[in-house]
Amino acid sequence: MKALVQRVSRASVSVNDQAVGKIGRGLVVFLGVAQGDSKEDATYLANKVVNLRIFADEASKFALSALETGGDILVVSQFTLLADSRKGRRPSFTEAAPPDLAEELYEFFVERVRSTGLKVETGLFQEHMLVEIHNDGPVTISLESRSR
């Protein structure tokens, strides 16, 4: 499972020109589910995301997490994080989990993050989405459950 995490001042996601998720200061999490991923992977990444210290303290150091700052979280499914573009010009997505498993683990990840008490918004699974991000910093961190 892969997550691309961006610290934002605000963000939103729309489907068919309708906002389906909107947050203030916090994190946008693009989540890709791979073949062989499990609930253990989702739990690991959810804990990593909410505890990731990428918010500044009073000394302007990365010392605070979304849990500590009460940051919002916007989770957007993104199977393209599993792209393999080593060969040719067209990426392969064979490492991505099939949609039924991916959706189950995506929803499980979202519930794990919600269980922390933080405000959590989402995109819509398997829909074409427009995501507006005001990346704060910019700060972008890549996380993988298999590299623990």
C-alpha atoms as a PDB file:
ATOM      1  CA  MET A   1       0.000   0.000   0.000  1.00  0.00           C
ATOM      2  CA  LYS A   2       1.316   3.406  -0.926  1.00  0.00           C
ATOM      3  CA  ALA A   3       0.336   6.833   0.346  1.00  0.00           C
ATOM      4  CA  LEU A   4       1.404  10.192  -0.990  1.00  0.00           C
ATOM      5  CA  VAL A   5       0.814  12.715   1.800  1.00  0.00           C
ATOM      6  CA  GLN A   6       0.672  16.469   1.267  1.00  0.00           C
ATOM      7  CA  ARG A   7       0.455  19.073   4.011  1.00  0.00           C
ATOM      8  CA  VAL A   8      -2.182  21.595   2.939  1.00  0.00           C
ATOM      9  CA  SER A   9      -3.713  24.868   4.044  1.00  0.00           C
ATOM     10  CA  ARG A  10      -6.923  23.657   2.367  1.00  0.00           C
ATOM     11  CA  ALA A  11      -8.079  21.131  -0.227  1.00  0.00           C
ATOM     12  CA  SER A  12     -11.172  19.813  -1.924  1.00  0.00           C
ATOM     13  CA  VAL A  13     -12.248  17.037  -4.257  1.00  0.00           C
ATOM     14  CA  SER A  14     -15.079  17.225  -6.795  1.00  0.00           C
ATOM     15  CA  VAL A  15     -16.925  14.720  -8.963  1.00  0.00           C
ATOM     16  CA  ASN A  16     -19.055  16.003 -11.865  1.00  0.00           C
ATOM     17  CA  ASP A  17     -18.576  19.601 -10.674  1.00  0.00           C
ATOM     18  CA  GLN A  18     -19.953  18.727  -7.210  1.00  0.00           C
ATOM     19  CA  ALA A  19     -17.720  18.987  -4.140  1.00  0.00           C
ATOM     20  CA  VAL A  20     -17.665  15.632  -2.357  1.00  0.00           C
ATOM     21  CA  GLY A  21     -14.937  16.425   0.176  1.00  0.00           C
ATOM     22  CA  LYS A  22     -13.422  19.611   1.557  1.00  0.00           C
ATOM     23  CA  ILE A  23     -10.920  20.273   4.332  1.00  0.00           C
ATOM     24  CA  GLY A  24      -9.054  23.126   5.951  1.00  0.00           C
ATOM     25  CA  ARG A  25      -5.527  22.860   7.366  1.00  0.00           C
ATOM     26  CA  GLY A  26      -4.345  19.281   7.402  1.00  0.00           C
ATOM     27  CA  LEU A  27      -3.294  16.480   5.081  1.00  0.00           C
ATOM     28  CA  VAL A  28      -4.323  15.181   1.677  1.00  0.00           C
ATOM     29  CA  VAL A  29      -3.619  11.460   1.376  1.00  0.00           C
ATOM     30  CA  PHE A  30      -3.547   9.845  -2.045  1.00  0.00           C
ATOM     31  CA  LEU A  31      -3.860   6.115  -1.374  1.00  0.00           C
ATOM     32  CA  GLY A  32      -2.949   3.256  -3.705  1.00  0.00           C
ATOM     33  CA  VAL A  33      -3.716  -0.357  -2.815  1.00  0.00           C
ATOM     34  CA  ALA A  34      -1.390  -3.044  -4.214  1.00  0.00           C
ATOM     35  CA  GLN A  35      -1.817  -6.753  -4.895  1.00  0.00           C
ATOM     36  CA  GLY A  36      -1.219  -8.617  -1.641  1.00  0.00           C
ATOM     37  CA  ASP A  37      -2.057  -5.704   0.662  1.00  0.00           C
ATOM     38  CA  SER A  38      -3.978  -6.443   3.846  1.00  0.00           C
ATOM     39  CA  LYS A  39      -5.765  -4.742   6.715  1.00  0.00           C
ATOM     40  CA  GLU A  40      -2.431  -4.831   8.535  1.00  0.00           C
ATOM     41  CA  ASP A  41      -0.946  -2.639   5.777  1.00  0.00           C
ATOM     42  CA  ALA A  42      -3.907  -0.240   6.005  1.00  0.00           C
ATOM     43  CA  THR A  43      -3.636  -0.024   9.793  1.00  0.00           C
ATOM     44  CA  TYR A  44       0.110   0.604   9.613  1.00  0.00           C
ATOM     45  CA  LEU A  45      -0.275   3.420   7.059  1.00  0.00           C
ATOM     46  CA  ALA A  46      -3.248   5.008   8.834  1.00  0.00           C
ATOM     47  CA  ASN A  47      -1.225   5.176  12.059  1.00  0.00           C
ATOM     48  CA  LYS A  48       1.804   6.497  10.191  1.00  0.00           C
ATOM     49  CA  VAL A  49      -0.221   9.232   8.474  1.00  0.00           C
ATOM     50  CA  VAL A  50      -1.955  10.615  11.575  1.00  0.00           C
ATOM     51  CA  ASN A  51       1.279  10.522  13.606  1.00  0.00           C
ATOM     52  CA  LEU A  52       3.608  11.868  10.900  1.00  0.00           C
ATOM     53  CA  ARG A  53       5.349  14.940  12.343  1.00  0.00           C
ATOM     54  CA  ILE A  54       5.217  17.377   9.445  1.00  0.00           C
ATOM     55  CA  PHE A  55       3.562  20.373  11.103  1.00  0.00           C
ATOM     56  CA  ALA A  56       5.730  23.128  12.561  1.00  0.00           C
ATOM     57  CA  ASP A  57       6.024  23.825  16.254  1.00  0.00           C
ATOM     58  CA  GLU A  58       6.714  27.285  17.702  1.00  0.00           C
ATOM     59  CA  ALA A  59      10.384  26.921  16.648  1.00  0.00           C
ATOM     60  CA  SER A  60       9.296  26.197  13.035  1.00  0.00           C
ATOM     61  CA  LYS A  61      10.575  22.617  13.232  1.00  0.00           C
ATOM     62  CA  PHE A  62       8.683  19.565  11.957  1.00  0.00           C
ATOM     63  CA  ALA A  63       7.584  18.383  15.380  1.00  0.00           C
ATOM     64  CA  LEU A  64       3.788  18.048  15.382  1.00  0.00           C
ATOM     65  CA  SER A  65       1.415  15.521  13.829  1.00  0.00           C
ATOM     66  CA  ALA A  66      -2.125  15.861  12.513  1.00  0.00           C
ATOM     67  CA  LEU A  67      -3.287  14.270  15.768  1.00  0.00           C
ATOM     68  CA  GLU A  68      -1.463  16.909  17.793  1.00  0.00           C
ATOM     69  CA  THR A  69      -2.665  19.839  15.675  1.00  0.00           C
ATOM     70  CA  GLY A  70      -6.211  18.571  15.060  1.00  0.00           C
ATOM     71  CA  GLY A  71      -5.589  18.680  11.317  1.00  0.00           C
ATOM     72  CA  ASP A  72      -8.217  17.574   8.810  1.00  0.00           C
ATOM     73  CA  ILE A  73      -7.587  14.636   6.485  1.00  0.00           C
ATOM     74  CA  LEU A  74      -8.762  14.252   2.883  1.00  0.00           C
ATOM     75  CA  VAL A  75      -8.283  10.703   1.527  1.00  0.00           C
ATOM     76  CA  VAL A  76      -8.409  10.141  -2.230  1.00  0.00           C
ATOM     77  CA  SER A  77      -8.007   6.726  -3.862  1.00  0.00           C
ATOM     78  CA  GLN A  78      -5.312   6.732  -6.525  1.00  0.00           C
ATOM     79  CA  PHE A  79      -4.345   3.445  -8.144  1.00  0.00           C
ATOM     80  CA  THR A  80      -1.836   5.273 -10.356  1.00  0.00           C
ATOM     81  CA  LEU A  81       0.555   5.338  -7.383  1.00  0.00           C
ATOM     82  CA  LEU A  82       1.176   1.689  -8.291  1.00  0.00           C
ATOM     83  CA  ALA A  83       2.276   2.527 -11.849  1.00  0.00           C
ATOM     84  CA  ASP A  84       5.282   0.691 -13.213  1.00  0.00           C
ATOM     85  CA  SER A  85       6.877   2.793 -15.935  1.00  0.00           C
ATOM     86  CA  ARG A  86      10.256   1.068 -16.137  1.00  0.00           C
ATOM     87  CA  LYS A  87       9.561  -0.311 -19.612  1.00  0.00           C
ATOM     88  CA  GLY A  88       8.138   1.536 -22.567  1.00  0.00           C
ATOM     89  CA  ARG A  89       6.150   4.728 -22.444  1.00  0.00           C
ATOM     90  CA  ARG A  90       2.812   3.481 -21.162  1.00  0.00           C
ATOM     91  CA  PRO A  91       2.682   2.692 -17.433  1.00  0.00           C
ATOM     92  CA  SER A  92       1.550  -0.733 -16.303  1.00  0.00           C
ATOM     93  CA  PHE A  93      -0.841  -1.071 -13.378  1.00  0.00           C
ATOM     94  CA  THR A  94      -0.508  -4.823 -12.797  1.00  0.00           C
ATOM     95  CA  GLU A  95       0.716  -4.186  -9.236  1.00  0.00           C
ATOM     96  CA  ALA A  96      -2.572  -2.470  -8.314  1.00  0.00           C
ATOM     97  CA  ALA A  97      -5.113  -4.546  -6.416  1.00  0.00           C
ATOM     98  CA  PRO A  98      -8.369  -5.472  -8.169  1.00  0.00           C
ATOM     99  CA  PRO A  99     -11.109  -2.855  -7.575  1.00  0.00           C
ATOM    100  CA  ASP A 100     -13.155  -4.912  -5.060  1.00  0.00           C
ATOM    101  CA  LEU A 101     -10.165  -5.561  -2.777  1.00  0.00           C
ATOM    102  CA  ALA A 102      -8.807  -2.046  -3.275  1.00  0.00           C
ATOM    103  CA  GLU A 103     -12.127  -0.475  -2.273  1.00  0.00           C
ATOM    104  CA  GLU A 104     -12.418  -2.680   0.814  1.00  0.00           C
ATOM    105  CA  LEU A 105      -8.923  -1.732   2.022  1.00  0.00           C
ATOM    106  CA  TYR A 106      -9.405   1.930   1.073  1.00  0.00           C
ATOM    107  CA  GLU A 107     -12.579   2.048   3.201  1.00  0.00           C
ATOM    108  CA  PHE A 108     -10.797   0.219   6.032  1.00  0.00           C
ATOM    109  CA  PHE A 109      -7.955   2.786   5.901  1.00  0.00           C
ATOM    110  CA  VAL A 110     -10.474   5.643   6.027  1.00  0.00           C
ATOM    111  CA  GLU A 111     -12.213   4.083   9.059  1.00  0.00           C
ATOM    112  CA  ARG A 112      -8.864   3.628  10.851  1.00  0.00           C
ATOM    113  CA  VAL A 113      -8.099   7.336  10.334  1.00  0.00           C
ATOM    114  CA  ARG A 114     -11.640   8.340  11.407  1.00  0.00           C
ATOM    115  CA  SER A 115     -11.279   6.294  14.591  1.00  0.00           C
ATOM    116  CA  THR A 116      -8.675   8.842  15.773  1.00  0.00           C
ATOM    117  CA  GLY A 117     -11.381  11.506  16.029  1.00  0.00           C
ATOM    118  CA  LEU A 118      -9.941  13.696  13.282  1.00  0.00           C
ATOM    119  CA  LYS A 119     -12.231  15.195  10.639  1.00  0.00           C
ATOM    120  CA  VAL A 120     -11.929  12.940   7.571  1.00  0.00           C
ATOM    121  CA  GLU A 121     -13.321  13.644   4.107  1.00  0.00           C
ATOM    122  CA  THR A 122     -12.948  11.438   1.035  1.00  0.00           C
ATOM    123  CA  GLY A 123     -13.204  11.362  -2.699  1.00  0.00           C
ATOM    124  CA  LEU A 124     -15.355   8.771  -4.459  1.00  0.00           C
ATOM    125  CA  PHE A 125     -13.780   5.427  -5.237  1.00  0.00           C
ATOM    126  CA  GLN A 126     -13.318   4.639  -8.953  1.00  0.00           C
ATOM    127  CA  GLU A 127     -14.630   8.025 -10.074  1.00  0.00           C
ATOM    128  CA  HIS A 128     -12.927  10.691 -12.137  1.00  0.00           C
ATOM    129  CA  MET A 129     -12.115  13.399  -9.586  1.00  0.00           C
ATOM    130  CA  LEU A 130     -10.751  16.916  -9.638  1.00  0.00           C
ATOM    131  CA  VAL A 131      -8.591  17.612  -6.611  1.00  0.00           C
ATOM    132  CA  GLU A 132      -7.705  21.146  -5.586  1.00  0.00           C
ATOM    133  CA  ILE A 133      -4.750  21.322  -3.248  1.00  0.00           C
ATOM    134  CA  HIS A 134      -3.089  24.270  -1.560  1.00  0.00           C
ATOM    135  CA  ASN A 135       0.141  22.491  -0.632  1.00  0.00           C
ATOM    136  CA  ASP A 136       1.632  24.194   2.422  1.00  0.00           C
ATOM    137  CA  GLY A 137       5.401  24.421   2.226  1.00  0.00           C
ATOM    138  CA  PRO A 138       5.300  22.612  -0.152  1.00  0.00           C
ATOM    139  CA  VAL A 139       5.489  19.420   1.892  1.00  0.00           C
ATOM    140  CA  THR A 140       4.949  16.060   0.179  1.00  0.00           C
ATOM    141  CA  ILE A 141       5.914  12.726   1.759  1.00  0.00           C
ATOM    142  CA  SER A 142       5.755   9.251   0.199  1.00  0.00           C
ATOM    143  CA  LEU A 143       4.934   6.291   2.470  1.00  0.00           C
ATOM    144  CA  GLU A 144       4.793   2.552   1.774  1.00  0.00           C
ATOM    145  CA  SER A 145       3.573  -0.198   4.059  1.00  0.00           C
ATOM    146  CA  ARG A 146       6.046  -2.704   2.592  1.00  0.00           C
ATOM    147  CA  SER A 147       9.097  -0.610   3.490  1.00  0.00           C
ATOM    148  CA  ARG A 148       8.611  -0.860   7.246  1.00  0.00           C
END
